[in-house]
């Protein structure tokens, strides 16, 4: 299957999906896939990748140095700090 251009469903598979959609959830057998109660090992962002935009940004040298001293991935960590700030303020707005 190609990303963004999936193959069309076969009539048989389409019929199965429609039958499942029409069924009440209580009748769907999920015994082979138990509910996950412990999400501590879950990885965030494995499938979702936000769109990144290149940007020229002026940041104080000491701030950049601090992040760079933490090792590889400093730009990702800077993005995470900015995202946490946005999320915190988005909830309070």
Protein backbone atom coordinates (compact mmCIF):
# COMPACT_ATOMS: atom_id res chain seq x y z
CA UNK A 1 0.00 0.00 0.00
CA UNK A 2 1.38 3.39 -0.96
CA UNK A 3 1.18 6.27 1.48
CA UNK A 4 -1.55 8.73 0.57
CA UNK A 5 -2.84 6.55 -2.27
CA UNK A 6 -4.23 3.33 -0.81
CA UNK A 7 -5.43 0.46 -2.93
CA UNK A 8 -9.25 0.30 -3.16
CA UNK A 9 -10.95 -2.22 -0.90
CA UNK A 10 -12.26 -5.40 -2.43
CA UNK A 11 -16.05 -5.75 -2.37
CA UNK A 12 -15.71 -8.64 0.12
CA UNK A 13 -13.56 -6.60 2.52
CA UNK A 14 -15.84 -3.58 2.14
CA UNK A 15 -18.84 -5.76 3.05
CA UNK A 16 -17.02 -7.09 6.15
CA UNK A 17 -16.19 -3.57 7.30
CA UNK A 18 -19.76 -2.41 6.79
CA UNK A 19 -21.07 -5.41 8.76
CA UNK A 20 -18.69 -4.62 11.63
CA UNK A 21 -19.68 -0.95 11.60
CA UNK A 22 -23.36 -1.92 11.84
CA UNK A 23 -22.77 -4.27 14.80
CA UNK A 24 -23.18 -3.02 18.36
CA UNK A 25 -19.83 -2.97 20.20
CA UNK A 26 -21.12 -5.51 22.73
CA UNK A 27 -21.37 -8.13 19.96
CA UNK A 28 -17.84 -7.68 18.61
CA UNK A 29 -15.51 -10.41 19.87
CA UNK A 30 -12.31 -8.82 21.18
CA UNK A 31 -11.11 -11.73 23.33
CA UNK A 32 -8.01 -12.20 21.17
CA UNK A 33 -6.94 -8.61 21.82
CA UNK A 34 -7.20 -7.83 25.52
CA UNK A 35 -7.50 -4.23 26.66
CA UNK A 36 -4.19 -2.55 27.45
CA UNK A 37 -4.25 -1.22 31.01
CA UNK A 38 -0.56 -0.39 31.37
CA UNK A 39 0.66 2.28 28.94
CA UNK A 40 3.99 2.90 30.74
CA UNK A 41 5.94 1.34 27.87
CA UNK A 42 4.09 3.27 25.16
CA UNK A 43 6.11 5.43 22.80
CA UNK A 44 4.79 8.85 21.87
CA UNK A 45 5.02 10.05 18.31
CA UNK A 46 5.80 6.71 16.69
CA UNK A 47 3.16 7.15 14.02
CA UNK A 48 2.33 10.85 14.24
CA UNK A 49 4.96 13.24 12.94
CA UNK A 50 4.08 16.92 13.04
CA UNK A 51 5.08 19.02 10.08
CA UNK A 52 8.39 20.78 10.71
CA UNK A 53 9.08 24.21 9.25
CA UNK A 54 12.58 25.62 8.85
CA UNK A 55 12.93 28.88 10.74
CA UNK A 56 15.67 31.35 11.45
CA UNK A 57 15.44 32.17 15.16
CA UNK A 58 17.64 34.32 17.37
CA UNK A 59 18.25 32.56 20.70
CA UNK A 60 20.62 33.66 23.45
CA UNK A 61 24.00 31.95 23.12
CA UNK A 62 23.98 30.65 26.71
CA UNK A 63 20.64 28.92 26.14
CA UNK A 64 21.88 27.24 22.96
CA UNK A 65 25.14 26.23 24.69
CA UNK A 66 23.21 24.65 27.56
CA UNK A 67 21.08 22.55 25.22
CA UNK A 68 24.07 21.58 23.06
CA UNK A 69 26.04 20.42 26.12
CA UNK A 70 23.26 17.88 26.76
CA UNK A 71 24.39 16.02 23.63
CA UNK A 72 22.80 14.89 20.37
CA UNK A 73 19.19 15.89 19.77
CA UNK A 74 19.40 19.34 21.33
CA UNK A 75 17.05 20.83 18.74
CA UNK A 76 14.48 18.14 19.48
CA UNK A 77 14.76 18.90 23.21
CA UNK A 78 14.36 22.63 22.53
CA UNK A 79 11.24 21.84 20.51
CA UNK A 80 9.91 19.70 23.39
CA UNK A 81 10.39 22.57 25.85
CA UNK A 82 8.56 24.96 23.52
CA UNK A 83 5.78 22.40 22.97
CA UNK A 84 5.33 21.94 26.75
CA UNK A 85 5.06 25.71 27.13
CA UNK A 86 2.46 25.92 24.36
CA UNK A 87 0.42 23.02 25.79
CA UNK A 88 0.46 24.50 29.30
CA UNK A 89 -0.71 27.88 28.02
CA UNK A 90 -3.19 26.41 25.54
CA UNK A 91 -5.02 24.69 28.41
CA UNK A 92 -5.19 27.86 30.51
CA UNK A 93 -6.45 30.03 27.65
